[in-house]
Full PDB file with SEQRES, HELIX, SHEET, SSBOND, CRYST1, ORIGX, SCALE, CONECT and MASTER records, all heavy atoms in Angstrom:
SEQRES   1 A   38  TYR MET SER LEU VAL GLU MET LYS SER LEU PHE ARG MET          
SEQRES   2 A   38  GLN ASP ILE VAL SER CYS ALA THR GLN PRO ILE THR MET          
SEQRES   3 A   38  LEU GLU THR SER ALA ARG ASP GLY THR GLY LEU ALA              
HELIX    1 AA1 LEU A    4  PHE A   11  1                                   8    
HELIX    2 AA2 MET A   13  CYS A   19  1                                   7    
CRYST1    1.000    1.000    1.000  90.00  90.00  90.00 P 1           1          
ORIGX1      1.000000  0.000000  0.000000        0.00000                         
ORIGX2      0.000000  1.000000  0.000000        0.00000                         
ORIGX3      0.000000  0.000000  1.000000        0.00000                         
SCALE1      1.000000  0.000000  0.000000        0.00000                         
SCALE2      0.000000  1.000000  0.000000        0.00000                         
SCALE3      0.000000  0.000000  1.000000        0.00000                         
ATOM      1  N   TYR A   1       0.203  -2.963   3.071  1.00  0.00           N  
ATOM      2  CA  TYR A   1       0.469  -2.113   1.868  1.00  0.00           C  
ATOM      3  C   TYR A   1       1.792  -1.369   1.926  1.00  0.00           C  
ATOM      4  O   TYR A   1       2.277  -1.061   2.976  1.00  0.00           O  
ATOM      5  CB  TYR A   1      -0.694  -1.187   1.605  1.00  0.00           C  
ATOM      6  CG  TYR A   1      -0.551   0.166   2.259  1.00  0.00           C  
ATOM      7  CD1 TYR A   1      -0.034   1.239   1.524  1.00  0.00           C  
ATOM      8  CD2 TYR A   1      -0.935   0.388   3.566  1.00  0.00           C  
ATOM      9  CE1 TYR A   1       0.102   2.489   2.088  1.00  0.00           C  
ATOM     10  CE2 TYR A   1      -0.770   1.643   4.096  1.00  0.00           C  
ATOM     11  CZ  TYR A   1      -0.291   2.669   3.402  1.00  0.00           C  
ATOM     12  OH  TYR A   1      -0.132   3.933   3.996  1.00  0.00           O  
ATOM     13  N   MET A   2       2.335  -1.172   0.732  1.00  0.00           N  
ATOM     14  CA  MET A   2       3.505  -0.345   0.606  1.00  0.00           C  
ATOM     15  C   MET A   2       3.127   1.123   0.354  1.00  0.00           C  
ATOM     16  O   MET A   2       2.178   1.372  -0.461  1.00  0.00           O  
ATOM     17  CB  MET A   2       4.406  -0.822  -0.503  1.00  0.00           C  
ATOM     18  CG  MET A   2       5.005  -2.209  -0.249  1.00  0.00           C  
ATOM     19  SD  MET A   2       5.890  -2.911  -1.619  1.00  0.00           S  
ATOM     20  CE  MET A   2       4.540  -3.457  -2.651  1.00  0.00           C  
ATOM     21  N   SER A   3       3.785   2.043   1.006  1.00  0.00           N  
ATOM     22  CA  SER A   3       3.423   3.452   0.906  1.00  0.00           C  
ATOM     23  C   SER A   3       3.730   3.998  -0.488  1.00  0.00           C  
ATOM     24  O   SER A   3       4.416   3.352  -1.225  1.00  0.00           O  
ATOM     25  CB  SER A   3       4.174   4.258   1.972  1.00  0.00           C  
ATOM     26  OG  SER A   3       5.494   4.365   1.559  1.00  0.00           O  
ATOM     27  N   LEU A   4       3.148   5.157  -0.766  1.00  0.00           N  
ATOM     28  CA  LEU A   4       3.376   5.796  -2.025  1.00  0.00           C  
ATOM     29  C   LEU A   4       4.888   6.019  -2.290  1.00  0.00           C  
ATOM     30  O   LEU A   4       5.395   5.760  -3.355  1.00  0.00           O  
ATOM     31  CB  LEU A   4       2.611   7.107  -2.154  1.00  0.00           C  
ATOM     32  CG  LEU A   4       2.708   7.899  -3.456  1.00  0.00           C  
ATOM     33  CD1 LEU A   4       2.161   7.053  -4.624  1.00  0.00           C  
ATOM     34  CD2 LEU A   4       1.892   9.213  -3.355  1.00  0.00           C  
ATOM     35  N   VAL A   5       5.563   6.410  -1.201  1.00  0.00           N  
ATOM     36  CA  VAL A   5       7.017   6.606  -1.363  1.00  0.00           C  
ATOM     37  C   VAL A   5       7.751   5.332  -1.695  1.00  0.00           C  
ATOM     38  O   VAL A   5       8.637   5.303  -2.589  1.00  0.00           O  
ATOM     39  CB  VAL A   5       7.591   7.201  -0.042  1.00  0.00           C  
ATOM     40  CG1 VAL A   5       9.102   7.181  -0.014  1.00  0.00           C  
ATOM     41  CG2 VAL A   5       7.074   8.593   0.224  1.00  0.00           C  
ATOM     42  N   GLU A   6       7.340   4.229  -1.018  1.00  0.00           N  
ATOM     43  CA  GLU A   6       7.945   2.873  -1.323  1.00  0.00           C  
ATOM     44  C   GLU A   6       7.644   2.491  -2.739  1.00  0.00           C  
ATOM     45  O   GLU A   6       8.527   1.948  -3.459  1.00  0.00           O  
ATOM     46  CB  GLU A   6       7.445   1.854  -0.372  1.00  0.00           C  
ATOM     47  CG  GLU A   6       7.936   2.046   1.067  1.00  0.00           C  
ATOM     48  CD  GLU A   6       7.257   1.109   2.044  1.00  0.00           C  
ATOM     49  OE1 GLU A   6       5.970   1.149   2.184  1.00  0.00           O  
ATOM     50  OE2 GLU A   6       7.964   0.403   2.794  1.00  0.00           O  
ATOM     51  N   MET A   7       6.380   2.658  -3.170  1.00  0.00           N  
ATOM     52  CA  MET A   7       5.964   2.228  -4.508  1.00  0.00           C  
ATOM     53  C   MET A   7       6.696   3.029  -5.497  1.00  0.00           C  
ATOM     54  O   MET A   7       7.159   2.462  -6.563  1.00  0.00           O  
ATOM     55  CB  MET A   7       4.478   2.285  -4.683  1.00  0.00           C  
ATOM     56  CG  MET A   7       3.663   1.301  -3.821  1.00  0.00           C  
ATOM     57  SD  MET A   7       4.091  -0.433  -4.132  1.00  0.00           S  
ATOM     58  CE  MET A   7       3.344  -0.679  -5.693  1.00  0.00           C  
ATOM     59  N   LYS A   8       6.775   4.345  -5.371  1.00  0.00           N  
ATOM     60  CA  LYS A   8       7.468   5.145  -6.332  1.00  0.00           C  
ATOM     61  C   LYS A   8       8.909   4.716  -6.460  1.00  0.00           C  
ATOM     62  O   LYS A   8       9.483   4.688  -7.541  1.00  0.00           O  
ATOM     63  CB  LYS A   8       7.450   6.609  -5.901  1.00  0.00           C  
ATOM     64  CG  LYS A   8       6.144   7.355  -6.146  1.00  0.00           C  
ATOM     65  CD  LYS A   8       6.244   8.790  -5.642  1.00  0.00           C  
ATOM     66  CE  LYS A   8       5.130   9.635  -6.082  1.00  0.00           C  
ATOM     67  NZ  LYS A   8       5.259  11.063  -5.613  1.00  0.00           N  
ATOM     68  N   SER A   9       9.585   4.334  -5.349  1.00  0.00           N  
ATOM     69  CA  SER A   9      10.952   3.907  -5.367  1.00  0.00           C  
ATOM     70  C   SER A   9      11.078   2.588  -6.086  1.00  0.00           C  
ATOM     71  O   SER A   9      11.922   2.391  -6.937  1.00  0.00           O  
ATOM     72  CB  SER A   9      11.515   3.846  -3.918  1.00  0.00           C  
ATOM     73  OG  SER A   9      12.780   3.327  -3.944  1.00  0.00           O  
ATOM     74  N   LEU A  10      10.209   1.656  -5.746  1.00  0.00           N  
ATOM     75  CA  LEU A  10      10.296   0.361  -6.377  1.00  0.00           C  
ATOM     76  C   LEU A  10      10.050   0.394  -7.907  1.00  0.00           C  
ATOM     77  O   LEU A  10      10.644  -0.362  -8.644  1.00  0.00           O  
ATOM     78  CB  LEU A  10       9.280  -0.613  -5.738  1.00  0.00           C  
ATOM     79  CG  LEU A  10       9.689  -1.157  -4.364  1.00  0.00           C  
ATOM     80  CD1 LEU A  10       8.500  -1.852  -3.726  1.00  0.00           C  
ATOM     81  CD2 LEU A  10      10.915  -2.050  -4.348  1.00  0.00           C  
ATOM     82  N   PHE A  11       9.145   1.219  -8.313  1.00  0.00           N  
ATOM     83  CA  PHE A  11       8.808   1.395  -9.706  1.00  0.00           C  
ATOM     84  C   PHE A  11       9.824   2.299 -10.426  1.00  0.00           C  
ATOM     85  O   PHE A  11       9.774   2.406 -11.674  1.00  0.00           O  
ATOM     86  CB  PHE A  11       7.419   1.978  -9.879  1.00  0.00           C  
ATOM     87  CG  PHE A  11       6.291   0.919  -9.986  1.00  0.00           C  
ATOM     88  CD1 PHE A  11       5.916   0.246  -8.900  1.00  0.00           C  
ATOM     89  CD2 PHE A  11       5.687   0.688 -11.199  1.00  0.00           C  
ATOM     90  CE1 PHE A  11       4.917  -0.689  -9.008  1.00  0.00           C  
ATOM     91  CE2 PHE A  11       4.666  -0.219 -11.320  1.00  0.00           C  
ATOM     92  CZ  PHE A  11       4.306  -0.930 -10.196  1.00  0.00           C  
ATOM     93  N   ARG A  12      10.610   2.989  -9.678  1.00  0.00           N  
ATOM     94  CA  ARG A  12      11.547   4.038 -10.224  1.00  0.00           C  
ATOM     95  C   ARG A  12      10.687   5.061 -11.021  1.00  0.00           C  
ATOM     96  O   ARG A  12      10.976   5.375 -12.174  1.00  0.00           O  
ATOM     97  CB  ARG A  12      12.647   3.375 -11.066  1.00  0.00           C  
ATOM     98  CG  ARG A  12      13.517   2.484 -10.253  1.00  0.00           C  
ATOM     99  CD  ARG A  12      14.682   2.028 -11.010  1.00  0.00           C  
ATOM    100  NE  ARG A  12      15.399   3.116 -11.549  1.00  0.00           N  
ATOM    101  CZ  ARG A  12      16.695   3.168 -11.673  1.00  0.00           C  
ATOM    102  NH1 ARG A  12      17.439   2.207 -11.255  1.00  0.00           N  
ATOM    103  NH2 ARG A  12      17.310   4.229 -12.243  1.00  0.00           N  
ATOM    104  N   MET A  13       9.654   5.509 -10.371  1.00  0.00           N  
ATOM    105  CA  MET A  13       8.680   6.407 -10.994  1.00  0.00           C  
ATOM    106  C   MET A  13       9.315   7.684 -11.503  1.00  0.00           C  
ATOM    107  O   MET A  13       8.876   8.259 -12.526  1.00  0.00           O  
ATOM    108  CB  MET A  13       7.471   6.703 -10.097  1.00  0.00           C  
ATOM    109  CG  MET A  13       6.494   5.482  -9.974  1.00  0.00           C  
ATOM    110  SD  MET A  13       5.839   4.825 -11.492  1.00  0.00           S  
ATOM    111  CE  MET A  13       4.916   6.212 -12.134  1.00  0.00           C  
ATOM    112  N   GLN A  14      10.290   8.154 -10.777  1.00  0.00           N  
ATOM    113  CA  GLN A  14      10.958   9.472 -11.183  1.00  0.00           C  
ATOM    114  C   GLN A  14      11.571   9.241 -12.605  1.00  0.00           C  
ATOM    115  O   GLN A  14      11.401  10.077 -13.494  1.00  0.00           O  
ATOM    116  CB  GLN A  14      12.011   9.852 -10.216  1.00  0.00           C  
ATOM    117  CG  GLN A  14      12.635  11.201 -10.491  1.00  0.00           C  
ATOM    118  CD  GLN A  14      13.522  11.692  -9.418  1.00  0.00           C  
ATOM    119  OE1 GLN A  14      13.598  11.086  -8.353  1.00  0.00           O  
ATOM    120  NE2 GLN A  14      14.260  12.743  -9.718  1.00  0.00           N  
ATOM    121  N   ASP A  15      12.216   8.083 -12.843  1.00  0.00           N  
ATOM    122  CA  ASP A  15      12.807   7.795 -14.120  1.00  0.00           C  
ATOM    123  C   ASP A  15      11.696   7.607 -15.180  1.00  0.00           C  
ATOM    124  O   ASP A  15      11.819   8.037 -16.320  1.00  0.00           O  
ATOM    125  CB  ASP A  15      13.646   6.568 -14.047  1.00  0.00           C  
ATOM    126  CG  ASP A  15      14.922   6.718 -13.222  1.00  0.00           C  
ATOM    127  OD1 ASP A  15      15.329   7.906 -13.041  1.00  0.00           O  
ATOM    128  OD2 ASP A  15      15.449   5.783 -12.673  1.00  0.00           O  
ATOM    129  N   ILE A  16      10.662   6.905 -14.836  1.00  0.00           N  
ATOM    130  CA  ILE A  16       9.545   6.627 -15.769  1.00  0.00           C  
ATOM    131  C   ILE A  16       8.934   7.947 -16.187  1.00  0.00           C  
ATOM    132  O   ILE A  16       8.689   8.219 -17.378  1.00  0.00           O  
ATOM    133  CB  ILE A  16       8.530   5.678 -15.143  1.00  0.00           C  
ATOM    134  CG1 ILE A  16       9.127   4.242 -15.017  1.00  0.00           C  
ATOM    135  CG2 ILE A  16       7.248   5.648 -15.938  1.00  0.00           C  
ATOM    136  CD1 ILE A  16       8.274   3.259 -14.268  1.00  0.00           C  
ATOM    137  N   VAL A  17       8.597   8.798 -15.197  1.00  0.00           N  
ATOM    138  CA  VAL A  17       7.973  10.081 -15.532  1.00  0.00           C  
ATOM    139  C   VAL A  17       8.835  10.916 -16.419  1.00  0.00           C  
ATOM    140  O   VAL A  17       8.410  11.601 -17.342  1.00  0.00           O  
ATOM    141  CB  VAL A  17       7.553  10.796 -14.236  1.00  0.00           C  
ATOM    142  CG1 VAL A  17       7.148  12.263 -14.528  1.00  0.00           C  
ATOM    143  CG2 VAL A  17       6.408  10.071 -13.499  1.00  0.00           C  
ATOM    144  N   SER A  18      10.154  10.943 -16.142  1.00  0.00           N  
ATOM    145  CA  SER A  18      11.066  11.812 -16.953  1.00  0.00           C  
ATOM    146  C   SER A  18      11.260  11.321 -18.375  1.00  0.00           C  
ATOM    147  O   SER A  18      11.525  12.120 -19.268  1.00  0.00           O  
ATOM    148  CB  SER A  18      12.416  11.926 -16.219  1.00  0.00           C  
ATOM    149  OG  SER A  18      13.088  10.743 -16.246  1.00  0.00           O  
ATOM    150  N   CYS A  19      10.994  10.004 -18.595  1.00  0.00           N  
ATOM    151  CA  CYS A  19      11.183   9.466 -19.944  1.00  0.00           C  
ATOM    152  C   CYS A  19       9.821   9.334 -20.735  1.00  0.00           C  
ATOM    153  O   CYS A  19       9.897   9.168 -21.953  1.00  0.00           O  
ATOM    154  CB  CYS A  19      11.783   8.085 -19.891  1.00  0.00           C  
ATOM    155  SG  CYS A  19      13.530   8.110 -19.233  1.00  0.00           S  
ATOM    156  N   ALA A  20       8.727   9.432 -19.969  1.00  0.00           N  
ATOM    157  CA  ALA A  20       7.474   9.167 -20.651  1.00  0.00           C  
ATOM    158  C   ALA A  20       7.060  10.420 -21.517  1.00  0.00           C  
ATOM    159  O   ALA A  20       7.401  11.541 -21.210  1.00  0.00           O  
ATOM    160  CB  ALA A  20       6.381   8.966 -19.602  1.00  0.00           C  
ATOM    161  N   THR A  21       6.297  10.148 -22.563  1.00  0.00           N  
ATOM    162  CA  THR A  21       5.779  11.211 -23.384  1.00  0.00           C  
ATOM    163  C   THR A  21       4.458  11.760 -22.872  1.00  0.00           C  
ATOM    164  O   THR A  21       4.049  12.840 -23.216  1.00  0.00           O  
ATOM    165  CB  THR A  21       5.635  10.735 -24.877  1.00  0.00           C  
ATOM    166  OG1 THR A  21       4.681   9.616 -24.841  1.00  0.00           O  
ATOM    167  CG2 THR A  21       6.904  10.299 -25.471  1.00  0.00           C  
ATOM    168  N   GLN A  22       3.766  10.922 -22.052  1.00  0.00           N  
ATOM    169  CA  GLN A  22       2.459  11.355 -21.554  1.00  0.00           C  
ATOM    170  C   GLN A  22       2.631  11.900 -20.108  1.00  0.00           C  
ATOM    171  O   GLN A  22       3.556  11.557 -19.417  1.00  0.00           O  
ATOM    172  CB  GLN A  22       1.459  10.219 -21.586  1.00  0.00           C  
ATOM    173  CG  GLN A  22       1.679   8.823 -21.312  1.00  0.00           C  
ATOM    174  CD  GLN A  22       2.678   7.998 -22.087  1.00  0.00           C  
ATOM    175  OE1 GLN A  22       3.914   8.245 -21.912  1.00  0.00           O  
ATOM    176  NE2 GLN A  22       2.267   6.999 -22.822  1.00  0.00           N  
ATOM    177  N   PRO A  23       1.640  12.733 -19.754  1.00  0.00           N  
ATOM    178  CA  PRO A  23       1.622  13.200 -18.329  1.00  0.00           C  
ATOM    179  C   PRO A  23       1.195  12.056 -17.432  1.00  0.00           C  
ATOM    180  O   PRO A  23       0.251  11.343 -17.730  1.00  0.00           O  
ATOM    181  CB  PRO A  23       0.595  14.348 -18.388  1.00  0.00           C  
ATOM    182  CG  PRO A  23      -0.282  14.130 -19.534  1.00  0.00           C  
ATOM    183  CD  PRO A  23       0.609  13.342 -20.533  1.00  0.00           C  
ATOM    184  N   ILE A  24       1.936  11.919 -16.324  1.00  0.00           N  
ATOM    185  CA  ILE A  24       1.644  10.817 -15.407  1.00  0.00           C  
ATOM    186  C   ILE A  24       1.389  11.421 -14.020  1.00  0.00           C  
ATOM    187  O   ILE A  24       2.191  12.251 -13.481  1.00  0.00           O  
ATOM    188  CB  ILE A  24       2.809   9.831 -15.311  1.00  0.00           C  
ATOM    189  CG1 ILE A  24       3.093   9.215 -16.616  1.00  0.00           C  
ATOM    190  CG2 ILE A  24       2.557   8.735 -14.249  1.00  0.00           C  
ATOM    191  CD1 ILE A  24       4.331   8.304 -16.742  1.00  0.00           C  
ATOM    192  N   THR A  25       0.282  10.969 -13.419  1.00  0.00           N  
ATOM    193  CA  THR A  25      -0.065  11.376 -12.057  1.00  0.00           C  
ATOM    194  C   THR A  25      -0.160  10.101 -11.219  1.00  0.00           C  
ATOM    195  O   THR A  25      -0.499   9.036 -11.753  1.00  0.00           O  
ATOM    196  CB  THR A  25      -1.444  12.036 -12.013  1.00  0.00           C  
ATOM    197  OG1 THR A  25      -1.371  13.182 -12.903  1.00  0.00           O  
ATOM    198  CG2 THR A  25      -1.871  12.554 -10.645  1.00  0.00           C  
ATOM    199  N   MET A  26       0.181  10.160  -9.943  1.00  0.00           N  
ATOM    200  CA  MET A  26       0.139   8.969  -9.092  1.00  0.00           C  
ATOM    201  C   MET A  26      -0.697   9.310  -7.837  1.00  0.00           C  
ATOM    202  O   MET A  26      -0.617  10.395  -7.274  1.00  0.00           O  
ATOM    203  CB  MET A  26       1.573   8.583  -8.588  1.00  0.00           C  
ATOM    204  CG  MET A  26       2.372   8.034  -9.729  1.00  0.00           C  
ATOM    205  SD  MET A  26       4.135   8.152  -9.369  1.00  0.00           S  
ATOM    206  CE  MET A  26       4.502   9.786  -9.967  1.00  0.00           C  
ATOM    207  N   LEU A  27      -1.554   8.327  -7.449  1.00  0.00           N  
ATOM    208  CA  LEU A  27      -2.377   8.441  -6.239  1.00  0.00           C  
ATOM    209  C   LEU A  27      -2.365   7.169  -5.463  1.00  0.00           C  
ATOM    210  O   LEU A  27      -2.280   6.117  -6.106  1.00  0.00           O  
ATOM    211  CB  LEU A  27      -3.787   8.877  -6.609  1.00  0.00           C  
ATOM    212  CG  LEU A  27      -4.042  10.229  -7.175  1.00  0.00           C  
ATOM    213  CD1 LEU A  27      -5.479  10.339  -7.619  1.00  0.00           C  
ATOM    214  CD2 LEU A  27      -3.719  11.286  -6.117  1.00  0.00           C  
ATOM    215  N   GLU A  28      -2.606   7.221  -4.221  1.00  0.00           N  
ATOM    216  CA  GLU A  28      -2.903   6.096  -3.379  1.00  0.00           C  
ATOM    217  C   GLU A  28      -4.401   5.958  -3.243  1.00  0.00           C  
ATOM    218  O   GLU A  28      -5.102   6.954  -3.086  1.00  0.00           O  
ATOM    219  CB  GLU A  28      -2.280   6.214  -1.974  1.00  0.00           C  
ATOM    220  CG  GLU A  28      -0.840   6.136  -1.875  1.00  0.00           C  
ATOM    221  CD  GLU A  28      -0.313   6.285  -0.474  1.00  0.00           C  
ATOM    222  OE1 GLU A  28      -0.675   7.206   0.186  1.00  0.00           O  
ATOM    223  OE2 GLU A  28       0.429   5.376  -0.061  1.00  0.00           O  
ATOM    224  N   THR A  29      -4.922   4.744  -3.317  1.00  0.00           N  
ATOM    225  CA  THR A  29      -6.369   4.503  -3.234  1.00  0.00           C  
ATOM    226  C   THR A  29      -6.685   3.292  -2.463  1.00  0.00           C  
ATOM    227  O   THR A  29      -5.858   2.400  -2.240  1.00  0.00           O  
ATOM    228  CB  THR A  29      -7.037   4.357  -4.661  1.00  0.00           C  
ATOM    229  OG1 THR A  29      -6.453   3.242  -5.316  1.00  0.00           O  
ATOM    230  CG2 THR A  29      -6.797   5.616  -5.464  1.00  0.00           C  
ATOM    231  N   SER A  30      -7.984   3.223  -2.060  1.00  0.00           N  
ATOM    232  CA  SER A  30      -8.544   1.953  -1.561  1.00  0.00           C  
ATOM    233  C   SER A  30      -9.867   1.815  -2.210  1.00  0.00           C  
ATOM    234  O   SER A  30     -10.834   2.568  -1.888  1.00  0.00           O  
ATOM    235  CB  SER A  30      -8.702   1.984   0.003  1.00  0.00           C  
ATOM    236  OG  SER A  30      -9.509   0.899   0.368  1.00  0.00           O  
ATOM    237  N   ALA A  31      -9.989   0.832  -3.114  1.00  0.00           N  
ATOM    238  CA  ALA A  31     -11.304   0.644  -3.753  1.00  0.00           C  
ATOM    239  C   ALA A  31     -12.304   0.113  -2.750  1.00  0.00           C  
ATOM    240  O   ALA A  31     -13.504   0.315  -2.909  1.00  0.00           O  
ATOM    241  CB  ALA A  31     -11.156  -0.394  -4.889  1.00  0.00           C  
ATOM    242  N   ARG A  32     -11.892  -0.524  -1.640  1.00  0.00           N  
ATOM    243  CA  ARG A  32     -12.749  -1.088  -0.674  1.00  0.00           C  
ATOM    244  C   ARG A  32     -13.362  -0.013   0.212  1.00  0.00           C  
ATOM    245  O   ARG A  32     -14.570  -0.011   0.395  1.00  0.00           O  
ATOM    246  CB  ARG A  32     -11.988  -2.036   0.224  1.00  0.00           C  
ATOM    247  CG  ARG A  32     -12.840  -2.590   1.400  1.00  0.00           C  
ATOM    248  CD  ARG A  32     -12.133  -3.567   2.252  1.00  0.00           C  
ATOM    249  NE  ARG A  32     -12.025  -4.770   1.477  1.00  0.00           N  
ATOM    250  CZ  ARG A  32     -11.153  -5.735   1.757  1.00  0.00           C  
ATOM    251  NH1 ARG A  32     -10.318  -5.624   2.720  1.00  0.00           N  
ATOM    252  NH2 ARG A  32     -11.092  -6.833   0.963  1.00  0.00           N  
ATOM    253  N   ASP A  33     -12.575   0.947   0.686  1.00  0.00           N  
ATOM    254  CA  ASP A  33     -13.173   1.960   1.606  1.00  0.00           C  
ATOM    255  C   ASP A  33     -13.324   3.340   0.976  1.00  0.00           C  
ATOM    256  O   ASP A  33     -13.816   4.227   1.562  1.00  0.00           O  
ATOM    257  CB  ASP A  33     -12.357   2.054   2.939  1.00  0.00           C  
ATOM    258  CG  ASP A  33     -11.008   2.653   2.787  1.00  0.00           C  
ATOM    259  OD1 ASP A  33     -10.669   3.294   1.747  1.00  0.00           O  
ATOM    260  OD2 ASP A  33     -10.182   2.499   3.725  1.00  0.00           O  
ATOM    261  N   GLY A  34     -12.940   3.500  -0.320  1.00  0.00           N  
ATOM    262  CA  GLY A  34     -13.169   4.742  -0.982  1.00  0.00           C  
ATOM    263  C   GLY A  34     -12.082   5.818  -0.875  1.00  0.00           C  
ATOM    264  O   GLY A  34     -12.156   6.862  -1.509  1.00  0.00           O  
ATOM    265  N   THR A  35     -11.014   5.498  -0.171  1.00  0.00           N  
ATOM    266  CA  THR A  35      -9.933   6.443   0.005  1.00  0.00           C  
ATOM    267  C   THR A  35      -9.326   6.811  -1.333  1.00  0.00           C  
ATOM    268  O   THR A  35      -9.058   5.903  -2.113  1.00  0.00           O  
ATOM    269  CB  THR A  35      -8.807   5.904   0.924  1.00  0.00           C  
ATOM    270  OG1 THR A  35      -9.347   5.579   2.178  1.00  0.00           O  
ATOM    271  CG2 THR A  35      -7.648   6.843   1.089  1.00  0.00           C  
ATOM    272  N   GLY A  36      -9.223   8.057  -1.665  1.00  0.00           N  
ATOM    273  CA  GLY A  36      -8.596   8.510  -2.900  1.00  0.00           C  
ATOM    274  C   GLY A  36      -9.633   8.630  -4.054  1.00  0.00           C  
ATOM    275  O   GLY A  36      -9.320   9.122  -5.118  1.00  0.00           O  
ATOM    276  N   LEU A  37     -10.854   8.126  -3.851  1.00  0.00           N  
ATOM    277  CA  LEU A  37     -11.839   8.115  -4.901  1.00  0.00           C  
ATOM    278  C   LEU A  37     -12.181   9.563  -5.367  1.00  0.00           C  
ATOM    279  O   LEU A  37     -12.296   9.792  -6.607  1.00  0.00           O  
ATOM    280  CB  LEU A  37     -13.114   7.423  -4.542  1.00  0.00           C  
ATOM    281  CG  LEU A  37     -14.220   7.334  -5.592  1.00  0.00           C  
ATOM    282  CD1 LEU A  37     -13.754   6.651  -6.834  1.00  0.00           C  
ATOM    283  CD2 LEU A  37     -15.477   6.643  -5.005  1.00  0.00           C  
ATOM    284  N   ALA A  38     -12.295  10.453  -4.487  1.00  0.00           N  
ATOM    285  CA  ALA A  38     -12.613  11.867  -4.893  1.00  0.00           C  
ATOM    286  C   ALA A  38     -11.536  12.439  -5.744  1.00  0.00           C  
ATOM    287  O   ALA A  38     -11.834  13.129  -6.755  1.00  0.00           O  
ATOM    288  CB  ALA A  38     -12.814  12.710  -3.637  1.00  0.00           C  
TER     289      ALA A  38                                                      
MASTER        0    0    0    2    0    0    0    6  288    1    0    3          
END                                                                             
């Protein structure tokens, strides 16, 4: 897996968030083991 930092960079999330009209939150998860579910 690519880390949150890597994914944010590849997606250019800083640019997306600054241009978006909606509030955007980002999390890392694993549907398999439940990490991030809470």
